[in-house]
């Protein structure tokens, strides 16, 4: 609707594309949260196993990346840059989200390593 009202402005196109990427990575999270939701509804919070599923490194990395994309979209709405600047802001936001997820990947890798070495 804004594209029809304002025309093909660069920051609007990049913001819409970023939201589509956010929805696609959110669909990945929805697939991982189904077993967690089933465990929580069937047995309540008494078990510790569901909390282990929330520490899935890919799930956390996707959440960090989506948060970075959201911050990038907010920056685009604030600064309203041209197409090149918008792509640059969006790329920096995704990179920031991925870099903030690095500790999650390291923890996940360490947990897999210890599970493989356990007798």
Foldseek 3Di string as FASTA:
>chain_A
DVCVVVNPFQLVVLLVVLVVVLVVLVVVLVVLCVVLVVCCVPPNPPDPVSVVSVLQLSNQLSVLLSVLQVVLNVVCVVPVDGNVVSVVSNVVSNVRSNVVSVVSVVVNVVVVVVVVPDD
